[in-house]
Amino acid sequence: MIAFGVGGSFTLAMILPLDNAADAHDANAWTAFVMGIGYFAGALGPLLLGILRDSTGDFRLPLWILAAVALLMFALSPFLQPHHHRRAQA
């Protein structure tokens, strides 16, 4: 269940630059940054969790790490306020 939430938030994170950018140039720069970091983490995450599983012999530690990432993303979500940014521009 945790992976569904983290995977869904990954998809939503890909569109955040479009909601928070001031213009098209900003949106392009932020999208490139988010996609670069996001896909790097998306590729590295399963590898690192697999290494942890192999070294510990079970999935407890990798699942706790997924839960911690999900909680961190949840805790940071109130700071993502695209409408607040737009009001500041007007």
Protein backbone atom coordinates (compact mmCIF):
# COMPACT_ATOMS: atom_id res chain seq x y z
CA MET A 1 0.00 0.00 0.00
CA ILE A 2 2.84 2.39 0.76
CA ALA A 3 4.29 1.95 -2.72
CA PHE A 4 0.99 2.98 -4.32
CA GLY A 5 1.04 6.24 -2.39
CA VAL A 6 4.69 6.96 -3.10
CA GLY A 7 4.23 6.04 -6.78
CA GLY A 8 1.18 8.26 -7.11
CA SER A 9 2.90 11.18 -5.48
CA PHE A 10 5.83 10.74 -7.87
CA THR A 11 3.43 11.29 -10.77
CA LEU A 12 1.93 14.34 -9.10
CA ALA A 13 5.39 15.73 -8.38
CA MET A 14 6.12 15.71 -12.10
CA ILE A 15 3.42 18.34 -12.71
CA LEU A 16 4.32 20.62 -9.78
CA PRO A 17 6.63 22.83 -11.88
CA LEU A 18 3.71 23.66 -14.15
CA ASP A 19 1.66 24.86 -11.18
CA ASN A 20 4.45 26.80 -9.49
CA ALA A 21 6.39 28.35 -12.37
CA ALA A 22 6.08 32.04 -13.18
CA ASP A 23 6.56 31.62 -16.94
CA ALA A 24 7.37 29.03 -19.61
CA HIS A 25 11.14 29.36 -19.12
CA ASP A 26 10.79 28.69 -15.37
CA ALA A 27 8.52 25.72 -16.08
CA ASN A 28 11.07 24.24 -18.50
CA ALA A 29 13.95 24.65 -16.06
CA TRP A 30 12.02 23.19 -13.12
CA THR A 31 10.62 20.32 -15.18
CA ALA A 32 14.12 19.35 -16.31
CA PHE A 33 15.35 19.48 -12.71
CA VAL A 34 12.40 17.50 -11.31
CA MET A 35 12.57 14.87 -14.04
CA GLY A 36 16.33 14.47 -13.70
CA ILE A 37 16.26 14.06 -9.93
CA GLY A 38 12.96 12.15 -9.94
CA TYR A 39 13.99 9.53 -12.47
CA PHE A 40 17.43 9.18 -10.89
CA ALA A 41 15.82 8.49 -7.51
CA GLY A 42 13.24 6.26 -9.19
CA ALA A 43 16.01 4.16 -10.73
CA LEU A 44 18.26 4.14 -7.69
CA GLY A 45 15.57 3.44 -5.08
CA PRO A 46 14.74 -0.16 -6.03
CA LEU A 47 18.43 -0.98 -6.37
CA LEU A 48 19.24 0.36 -2.90
CA LEU A 49 16.21 -1.29 -1.31
CA GLY A 50 17.20 -4.57 -2.97
CA ILE A 51 20.72 -4.26 -1.59
CA LEU A 52 19.25 -3.61 1.87
CA ARG A 53 16.98 -6.62 1.54
CA ASP A 54 19.91 -8.82 0.50
CA SER A 55 22.09 -7.60 3.36
CA THR A 56 19.43 -7.90 6.08
CA GLY A 57 17.65 -11.01 4.77
CA ASP A 58 14.13 -9.58 5.01
CA PHE A 59 12.01 -6.68 3.86
CA ARG A 60 11.48 -4.94 7.21
CA LEU A 61 14.12 -2.22 6.81
CA PRO A 62 13.25 -1.45 3.15
CA LEU A 63 9.56 -1.17 4.06
CA TRP A 64 10.35 1.16 6.97
CA ILE A 65 12.36 3.33 4.59
CA LEU A 66 9.41 3.46 2.18
CA ALA A 67 7.14 4.43 5.07
CA ALA A 68 9.58 7.17 6.15
CA VAL A 69 9.72 8.58 2.61
CA ALA A 70 5.93 8.56 2.41
CA LEU A 71 5.67 10.40 5.74
CA LEU A 72 8.27 12.93 4.63
CA MET A 73 6.35 13.59 1.42
CA PHE A 74 3.14 13.95 3.41
CA ALA A 75 4.80 16.37 5.84
CA LEU A 76 6.13 18.53 2.99
CA SER A 77 2.85 18.66 1.05
CA PRO A 78 1.39 21.70 2.91
CA PHE A 79 4.27 23.79 1.57
CA LEU A 80 3.19 23.15 -2.04
CA GLN A 81 0.73 25.98 -2.60
CA PRO A 82 0.57 26.94 -6.28
CA HIS A 83 -2.42 29.26 -5.80
CA HIS A 84 -0.52 31.19 -3.12
CA HIS A 85 2.30 31.77 -5.64
CA ARG A 86 -0.13 33.07 -8.24
CA ARG A 87 -1.71 35.52 -5.77
CA ALA A 88 1.73 36.91 -4.95
CA GLN A 89 2.35 37.62 -8.66
CA ALA A 90 -0.92 39.51 -9.20
